[in-house]
Amino acid sequence: MILVNKLIEVLKKNKIEFFTGVPDSILKNFSLYLEKLPKQMHVIATNEGLATSLGIGYYLSTKKIPCIYLQNSGLSNAINPLISIANKAVYSIPLFLMIGWRGSPKKFDEPQHNAKGKITTKLLKLLKIEYCILREEEDLKKLNKIIKTAKKNQSIVACLVEKNTLKFGQIINKKKEKNYIFRHEFIEEFLKLVPKKSKIISTTGFTSRELMDLRKKNKIKNGKDFYMVGGMGHSASVASGYALHSKKKIFCLDGDGSILMHMGALRTIGYLKKKNLSHILLNNNSHESVGGQPTSAFGIDFKKLCISLGYKNYFFINNKKNLKIKIKSFIKSKGPSFLEVKINNGSLKNLSRPKNLNKIKKNFMSTYD
């Protein structure tokens, strides 16, 4: 176990004062500390490549090493700027990566996390990024040493943080929620109304887990689901690829963090103009499943955005009033249609996780009786 304040002390001693990244549940307690910092010192990025680029810009401006935090599944998003810009063979820009190590060999995890966890150290070695592993307070000495190496060699370095390593040590007061609908309330009503032969692709995190549990609990057979257990930000593109080669009605259940991660997908949907594609944004301005850190979705006029990008229709829900009528209107509309649902943070308790992923895939791809 490592107290976050002890970790921060090491970073401060090494004059690391700027933080940017994509929230991760393993690094949740680290993120709680960062929430106190002003924008000048901390930026929650929409994806890991963007965070890396922000860090590069910071170094070019200040000559100081930035801290870029991410989960190991997001390392793939960061590889392009890490190799093409910051690499020692290119501009030799020193960066410090703090990586939540999901699926580490010593920790039980989900299939998608185990797959990336097994190759995380191999990827770092392939990228020629020197790293250390943080498990106990004693490991902070290794961290201090490796940051000094980055300064000396003008190189990229990293630390891997395992699950349940970082502890905060104080209670954080939860922000008061607005009187919006809850995610599970919308999903439950949506499942009852969705056409029987339709397909549903749901984004990572609580959305897929609630969709799966609500379907089982209520024994609803309308539609077939494909749960995006990984690949955050790609659910809309998967749905778009399906719609392009099928006449079936396809619904994408998306989140604000996911949409922001790869917003170009919205233009692809608008450009292709598939009438059978309907896109749902469950918007709580939050990375809820990894700790509730805020996204930058607040302030975006999604109506103007999606219409300008080529969507044909826009719908909006923020409470239970006329919920069934609004969902029916959205479902009946010819796409591409966009529905923004403003939701509170808060999920169903004891959510299960998708298992037997090949079975889920085959069921999704199967025809109806």
Protein backbone atom coordinates (compact mmCIF):
# COMPACT_ATOMS: atom_id res chain seq x y z
CA MET A 1 0.00 0.00 0.00
CA ILE A 2 1.16 3.55 -0.79
CA LEU A 3 -0.44 6.73 0.52
CA VAL A 4 -1.13 9.21 -2.27
CA ASN A 5 0.48 12.09 -0.33
CA LYS A 6 3.76 10.10 -0.19
CA LEU A 7 3.63 9.64 -3.96
CA ILE A 8 2.92 13.34 -4.47
CA GLU A 9 5.92 14.23 -2.30
CA VAL A 10 8.23 12.33 -4.65
CA LEU A 11 6.73 14.06 -7.69
CA LYS A 12 7.01 17.51 -6.10
CA LYS A 13 10.67 16.92 -5.20
CA ASN A 14 11.28 16.19 -8.88
CA LYS A 15 9.40 19.37 -9.89
CA ILE A 16 6.58 17.48 -11.63
CA GLU A 17 3.78 20.04 -11.45
CA PHE A 18 1.56 19.40 -14.47
CA PHE A 19 -0.79 16.41 -14.72
CA THR A 20 -2.93 15.20 -17.58
CA GLY A 21 -4.53 11.91 -18.50
CA VAL A 22 -7.60 9.71 -18.70
CA PRO A 23 -9.11 8.50 -15.39
CA ASP A 24 -8.66 4.90 -14.29
CA SER A 25 -10.17 3.06 -11.32
CA ILE A 26 -6.73 1.86 -10.16
CA LEU A 27 -5.56 5.49 -10.04
CA LYS A 28 -8.84 6.79 -8.56
CA ASN A 29 -7.29 7.97 -5.29
CA PHE A 30 -4.55 9.77 -7.22
CA SER A 31 -7.26 11.49 -9.28
CA LEU A 32 -9.01 12.65 -6.09
CA TYR A 33 -5.91 14.64 -5.22
CA LEU A 34 -5.65 16.08 -8.73
CA GLU A 35 -9.27 17.34 -8.63
CA LYS A 36 -8.14 20.11 -6.27
CA LEU A 37 -5.72 21.53 -8.82
CA PRO A 38 -6.51 24.37 -11.27
CA LYS A 39 -6.73 23.78 -15.05
CA GLN A 40 -3.26 25.23 -15.46
CA MET A 41 -1.91 22.26 -13.50
CA HIS A 42 -4.36 19.46 -14.32
CA VAL A 43 -6.29 18.58 -17.48
CA ILE A 44 -8.52 15.50 -17.81
CA ALA A 45 -7.94 14.58 -21.44
CA THR A 46 -10.46 12.96 -23.77
CA ASN A 47 -7.98 10.24 -24.79
CA GLU A 48 -4.47 9.10 -23.91
CA GLY A 49 -2.87 10.26 -27.16
CA LEU A 50 -4.21 13.75 -26.55
CA ALA A 51 -2.90 13.64 -22.96
CA THR A 52 0.55 12.69 -24.24
CA SER A 53 0.46 15.57 -26.71
CA LEU A 54 -0.58 18.01 -24.00
CA GLY A 55 2.38 16.81 -21.96
CA ILE A 56 4.73 17.29 -24.91
CA GLY A 57 3.45 20.85 -25.37
CA TYR A 58 3.91 21.52 -21.66
CA TYR A 59 7.55 20.39 -21.79
CA LEU A 60 8.26 22.51 -24.88
CA SER A 61 6.88 25.53 -23.03
CA THR A 62 8.42 25.00 -19.57
CA LYS A 63 11.34 22.51 -19.91
CA LYS A 64 9.66 20.55 -17.10
CA ILE A 65 8.58 16.89 -17.12
CA PRO A 66 4.79 16.33 -17.10
CA CYS A 67 2.93 13.44 -15.47
CA ILE A 68 0.65 11.60 -17.89
CA TYR A 69 -1.70 9.13 -16.18
CA LEU A 70 -3.67 6.36 -17.88
CA GLN A 71 -4.73 2.76 -17.60
CA ASN A 72 -2.69 0.23 -19.54
CA SER A 73 -5.51 -0.41 -22.02
CA GLY A 74 -5.12 3.24 -23.07
CA LEU A 75 -1.42 2.83 -23.76
CA SER A 76 -2.33 1.91 -27.34
CA ASN A 77 -3.93 5.34 -27.84
CA ALA A 78 -0.72 7.01 -26.66
CA ILE A 79 1.74 5.01 -28.79
CA ASN A 80 1.65 7.33 -31.83
CA PRO A 81 2.85 10.54 -30.10
CA LEU A 82 5.14 8.52 -27.81
CA ILE A 83 6.98 7.04 -30.82
CA SER A 84 6.54 9.71 -33.48
CA ILE A 85 7.28 12.79 -31.36
CA ALA A 86 8.67 12.10 -27.87
CA ASN A 87 10.88 9.12 -28.73
CA LYS A 88 14.61 9.52 -28.15
CA ALA A 89 15.28 8.95 -31.85
CA VAL A 90 12.95 11.83 -32.76
CA TYR A 91 12.68 14.86 -30.39
CA SER A 92 13.86 13.12 -27.20
CA ILE A 93 11.21 14.64 -24.93
CA PRO A 94 11.19 13.45 -21.31
CA LEU A 95 7.77 12.30 -20.07
CA PHE A 96 6.62 10.47 -16.95
CA LEU A 97 3.80 7.95 -17.46
CA MET A 98 1.77 6.70 -14.49
CA ILE A 99 -0.03 3.57 -15.68
CA GLY A 100 -2.81 1.68 -13.90
CA TRP A 101 -1.85 -1.95 -14.49
CA ARG A 102 -5.11 -3.80 -15.02
CA GLY A 103 -4.68 -7.53 -15.48
CA SER A 104 -1.22 -7.64 -13.89
CA PRO A 105 -0.02 -11.23 -13.44
CA LYS A 106 -0.52 -11.13 -9.66
CA LYS A 107 -4.09 -9.76 -9.75
CA PHE A 108 -7.30 -11.49 -10.91
CA ASP A 109 -9.14 -9.44 -13.52
CA GLU A 110 -11.52 -9.55 -16.49
CA PRO A 111 -10.55 -11.26 -19.81
CA GLN A 112 -9.99 -8.00 -21.69
CA HIS A 113 -7.80 -6.68 -18.86
CA ASN A 114 -5.83 -9.91 -18.59
CA ALA A 115 -5.09 -9.81 -22.32
CA LYS A 116 -3.53 -6.33 -22.10
CA GLY A 117 -2.04 -6.92 -18.66
CA LYS A 118 0.10 -9.81 -19.92
CA ILE A 119 1.74 -7.72 -22.63
CA THR A 120 2.01 -4.35 -20.84
CA THR A 121 5.64 -4.77 -19.75
CA LYS A 122 6.52 -6.18 -23.17
CA LEU A 123 5.02 -3.10 -24.84
CA LEU A 124 7.04 -0.78 -22.61
CA LYS A 125 10.22 -2.69 -23.41
CA LEU A 126 9.40 -2.61 -27.12
CA LEU A 127 8.88 1.15 -26.85
CA LYS A 128 12.21 1.37 -24.97
CA ILE A 129 10.48 2.97 -21.99
CA GLU A 130 12.24 2.28 -18.70
CA TYR A 131 9.75 1.50 -15.92
CA CYS A 132 9.32 0.52 -12.29
CA ILE A 133 6.43 -1.16 -10.46
CA LEU A 134 4.75 0.46 -7.45
CA ARG A 135 3.40 -1.97 -4.85
CA GLU A 136 4.78 -0.74 -1.50
CA GLU A 137 6.07 2.54 -0.10
CA GLU A 138 9.61 1.24 -0.49
CA ASP A 139 9.09 1.29 -4.27
CA LEU A 140 8.93 5.10 -4.23
CA LYS A 141 12.75 5.06 -4.12
CA LYS A 142 12.69 3.32 -7.51
CA LEU A 143 10.23 5.95 -8.76
CA ASN A 144 12.49 8.80 -7.61
CA LYS A 145 15.44 7.19 -9.37
CA ILE A 146 13.61 6.58 -12.63
CA ILE A 147 12.36 10.18 -12.86
CA LYS A 148 15.92 11.41 -12.45
CA THR A 149 16.84 9.08 -15.31
CA ALA A 150 14.24 10.77 -17.50
CA LYS A 151 15.75 14.17 -16.75
CA LYS A 152 19.29 13.03 -17.36
CA ASN A 153 18.65 11.07 -20.56
CA GLN A 154 15.79 13.20 -21.92
CA SER A 155 13.71 10.04 -22.17
CA ILE A 156 10.25 8.62 -21.47
CA VAL A 157 9.85 6.65 -18.25
CA ALA A 158 6.89 4.97 -16.57
CA CYS A 159 5.64 3.41 -13.37
CA LEU A 160 3.08 0.60 -13.24
CA VAL A 161 0.57 0.72 -10.40
CA GLU A 162 -1.30 -2.44 -9.40
CA LYS A 163 -4.88 -2.65 -8.15
CA ASN A 164 -5.46 -1.53 -4.51
CA THR A 165 -2.00 0.02 -4.22
CA LEU A 166 -2.84 3.70 -3.79
CA LYS A 167 -4.74 4.85 -0.68
CA PHE A 168 -6.03 8.35 -0.06
CA GLY A 169 -6.73 8.59 3.66
CA GLN A 170 -9.60 11.06 3.82
CA ILE A 171 -13.32 11.14 3.01
CA ILE A 172 -14.37 12.99 -0.12
CA ASN A 173 -17.80 14.59 -0.06
CA LYS A 174 -19.94 13.57 -3.00
CA LYS A 175 -21.27 16.31 -5.25
CA LYS A 176 -24.99 16.93 -5.08
CA GLU A 177 -26.75 15.45 -8.09
CA LYS A 178 -29.35 17.19 -10.23
CA ASN A 179 -32.85 15.80 -10.55
CA TYR A 180 -32.14 13.76 -13.67
CA ILE A 181 -33.18 10.24 -14.55
CA PHE A 182 -30.88 7.34 -13.63
CA ARG A 183 -29.19 5.24 -16.28
CA HIS A 184 -30.91 2.03 -15.25
CA GLU A 185 -34.34 3.72 -15.34
CA PHE A 186 -33.81 4.72 -18.96
CA ILE A 187 -32.33 1.37 -20.02
CA GLU A 188 -35.17 -0.60 -18.46
CA GLU A 189 -37.84 1.40 -20.31
CA PHE A 190 -35.82 1.38 -23.52
CA LEU A 191 -35.50 -2.42 -23.45
CA LYS A 192 -39.26 -2.82 -23.15
CA LEU A 193 -39.86 -0.65 -26.23
CA VAL A 194 -36.98 -1.59 -28.54
CA PRO A 195 -38.01 -3.58 -31.66
CA LYS A 196 -37.72 -7.34 -31.24
CA LYS A 197 -35.31 -7.89 -34.15
CA SER A 198 -33.04 -4.94 -33.45
CA LYS A 199 -29.40 -4.99 -32.35
CA ILE A 200 -27.88 -3.08 -29.42
CA ILE A 201 -24.20 -2.20 -29.00
CA SER A 202 -23.36 -0.78 -25.57
CA THR A 203 -20.30 1.09 -24.38
CA THR A 204 -17.85 0.02 -21.68
CA GLY A 205 -18.46 0.29 -17.94
CA PHE A 206 -21.77 0.40 -16.11
CA THR A 207 -23.86 0.81 -19.29
CA SER A 208 -23.14 -2.68 -20.61
CA ARG A 209 -23.37 -4.24 -17.16
CA GLU A 210 -26.75 -2.64 -16.39
CA LEU A 211 -28.08 -3.52 -19.84
CA MET A 212 -27.12 -7.16 -19.31
CA ASP A 213 -28.48 -7.41 -15.75
CA LEU A 214 -31.75 -5.63 -16.52
CA ARG A 215 -32.35 -7.87 -19.51
CA LYS A 216 -31.84 -10.98 -17.36
CA LYS A 217 -33.81 -9.68 -14.39
CA ASN A 218 -36.85 -8.67 -16.44
CA LYS A 219 -36.51 -11.55 -18.93
CA ILE A 220 -36.69 -9.17 -21.87
CA LYS A 221 -36.02 -10.74 -25.27
CA ASN A 222 -36.37 -7.64 -27.44
CA GLY A 223 -33.13 -7.06 -29.35
CA LYS A 224 -29.73 -8.73 -29.10
CA ASP A 225 -26.81 -7.14 -27.26
CA PHE A 226 -23.10 -6.75 -27.93
CA TYR A 227 -21.28 -5.50 -24.83
CA MET A 228 -18.13 -3.45 -25.41
CA VAL A 229 -16.14 -4.83 -22.49
CA GLY A 230 -13.11 -2.90 -23.77
CA GLY A 231 -12.28 -0.45 -26.54
CA MET A 232 -13.63 2.67 -24.84
CA GLY A 233 -14.66 5.25 -27.41
CA HIS A 234 -15.24 2.74 -30.19
CA SER A 235 -18.85 1.65 -29.60
CA ALA A 236 -20.28 4.20 -32.07
CA SER A 237 -17.85 3.08 -34.79
CA VAL A 238 -18.67 -0.60 -34.24
CA ALA A 239 -22.38 0.25 -34.51
CA SER A 240 -21.70 2.31 -37.65
CA GLY A 241 -19.80 -0.55 -39.27
CA TYR A 242 -22.66 -2.92 -38.49
CA ALA A 243 -25.33 -0.53 -39.83
CA LEU A 244 -23.40 -0.05 -43.06
CA HIS A 245 -23.73 -3.74 -43.93
CA SER A 246 -27.12 -4.62 -42.44
CA LYS A 247 -30.74 -3.59 -42.82
CA LYS A 248 -31.52 -4.34 -39.17
CA LYS A 249 -32.22 -1.50 -36.75
CA ILE A 250 -29.08 -0.87 -34.69
CA PHE A 251 -28.91 1.13 -31.45
CA CYS A 252 -25.70 2.35 -29.84
CA LEU A 253 -25.79 3.03 -26.08
CA ASP A 254 -22.91 5.43 -25.52
CA GLY A 255 -21.46 7.57 -22.72
CA ASP A 256 -20.06 11.10 -22.65
CA GLY A 257 -16.52 9.95 -21.82
CA SER A 258 -16.67 7.45 -24.66
CA ILE A 259 -18.02 9.93 -27.21
CA LEU A 260 -15.40 12.53 -26.30
CA MET A 261 -12.58 10.01 -26.67
CA HIS A 262 -13.06 9.58 -30.43
CA MET A 263 -15.46 12.29 -31.60
CA GLY A 264 -14.59 11.74 -35.25
CA ALA A 265 -16.93 8.75 -35.12
CA LEU A 266 -19.89 11.16 -34.98
CA ARG A 267 -18.93 12.68 -38.31
CA THR A 268 -18.55 9.22 -39.86
CA ILE A 269 -22.10 8.39 -38.75
CA GLY A 270 -23.40 11.69 -40.09
CA TYR A 271 -21.52 11.24 -43.35
CA LEU A 272 -22.75 7.68 -43.96
CA LYS A 273 -26.36 8.68 -43.18
CA LYS A 274 -27.60 5.18 -42.42
CA LYS A 275 -31.33 5.27 -41.66
CA ASN A 276 -31.11 2.16 -39.45
CA LEU A 277 -28.63 3.66 -36.95
CA SER A 278 -29.76 5.36 -33.73
CA HIS A 279 -27.20 6.76 -31.30
CA ILE A 280 -27.96 7.26 -27.58
CA LEU A 281 -25.77 9.40 -25.33
CA LEU A 282 -26.16 8.66 -21.60
CA ASN A 283 -24.65 11.88 -20.33
CA ASN A 284 -23.66 12.34 -16.67
CA ASN A 285 -20.58 14.51 -17.32
CA SER A 286 -18.60 11.86 -15.50
CA HIS A 287 -16.21 8.92 -15.77
CA GLU A 288 -18.47 7.16 -13.28
CA SER A 289 -17.24 3.57 -13.51
CA VAL A 290 -13.64 4.53 -12.69
CA GLY A 291 -14.32 6.94 -9.82
CA GLY A 292 -16.70 9.70 -10.95
CA GLN A 293 -14.08 12.11 -12.27
CA PRO A 294 -15.63 14.85 -14.46
CA THR A 295 -15.56 14.80 -18.25
CA SER A 296 -15.54 17.96 -20.36
CA ALA A 297 -19.00 17.20 -21.80
CA PHE A 298 -20.67 19.95 -19.80
CA GLY A 299 -21.32 23.03 -21.93
CA ILE A 300 -21.47 21.12 -25.24
CA ASP A 301 -24.62 21.74 -27.26
CA PHE A 302 -25.02 18.21 -28.59
CA LYS A 303 -28.04 19.21 -30.67
CA LYS A 304 -26.05 21.72 -32.71
CA LEU A 305 -23.05 19.41 -32.79
CA CYS A 306 -24.72 16.25 -34.11
CA ILE A 307 -26.98 18.08 -36.58
CA SER A 308 -23.97 19.95 -37.99
CA LEU A 309 -22.16 16.62 -38.35
CA GLY A 310 -24.96 15.11 -40.43
CA TYR A 311 -27.38 13.42 -38.01
CA LYS A 312 -30.96 13.76 -39.23
CA ASN A 313 -32.72 14.00 -35.85
CA TYR A 314 -31.99 15.04 -32.25
CA PHE A 315 -34.02 14.05 -29.18
CA PHE A 316 -33.57 14.99 -25.51
CA ILE A 317 -34.56 13.40 -22.18
CA ASN A 318 -33.65 14.59 -18.69
CA ASN A 319 -36.42 13.19 -16.47
CA LYS A 320 -39.20 10.58 -16.35
CA LYS A 321 -41.88 12.88 -17.73
CA ASN A 322 -43.33 11.40 -20.93
CA LEU A 323 -40.40 8.98 -20.96
CA LYS A 324 -42.18 6.23 -22.88
CA ILE A 325 -43.54 8.66 -25.50
CA LYS A 326 -40.11 10.22 -26.08
CA ILE A 327 -38.37 6.86 -26.41
CA LYS A 328 -41.02 5.64 -28.87
CA SER A 329 -40.59 8.77 -31.01
CA PHE A 330 -36.83 8.26 -31.06
CA ILE A 331 -37.11 4.56 -31.95
CA LYS A 332 -39.54 5.26 -34.81
CA SER A 333 -37.39 8.01 -36.33
CA LYS A 334 -35.34 7.35 -39.46
CA GLY A 335 -31.67 7.78 -38.69
CA PRO A 336 -29.10 8.62 -38.16
CA SER A 337 -30.83 9.86 -35.00
CA PHE A 338 -29.24 11.10 -31.79
CA LEU A 339 -30.82 10.94 -28.33
CA GLU A 340 -29.17 12.75 -25.42
CA VAL A 341 -30.26 11.47 -22.01
CA LYS A 342 -29.09 13.54 -19.05
CA ILE A 343 -28.53 11.13 -16.17
CA ASN A 344 -27.43 11.20 -12.55
CA ASN A 345 -24.42 9.29 -11.31
CA GLY A 346 -25.52 6.11 -9.59
CA SER A 347 -25.73 2.52 -10.74
CA LEU A 348 -27.47 -0.68 -9.72
CA LYS A 349 -25.79 -2.59 -6.89
CA ASN A 350 -23.85 -5.83 -7.30
CA LEU A 351 -23.66 -5.61 -11.07
CA SER A 352 -22.39 -8.73 -12.80
CA ARG A 353 -19.87 -8.66 -15.63
CA PRO A 354 -20.21 -10.18 -19.11
CA LYS A 355 -18.78 -13.70 -19.17
CA ASN A 356 -18.37 -16.24 -21.99
CA LEU A 357 -17.74 -13.50 -24.52
CA ASN A 358 -17.74 -15.84 -27.52
CA LYS A 359 -21.27 -16.94 -26.60
CA ILE A 360 -22.36 -13.28 -26.40
CA LYS A 361 -20.84 -12.64 -29.83
CA LYS A 362 -22.54 -15.66 -31.42
CA ASN A 363 -25.91 -14.76 -29.91
CA PHE A 364 -25.60 -11.20 -31.20
CA MET A 365 -24.74 -12.38 -34.70
CA SER A 366 -27.45 -15.06 -34.82
CA THR A 367 -30.74 -14.61 -36.64
CA TYR A 368 -34.09 -14.50 -34.89
CA ASP A 369 -36.40 -17.52 -34.69
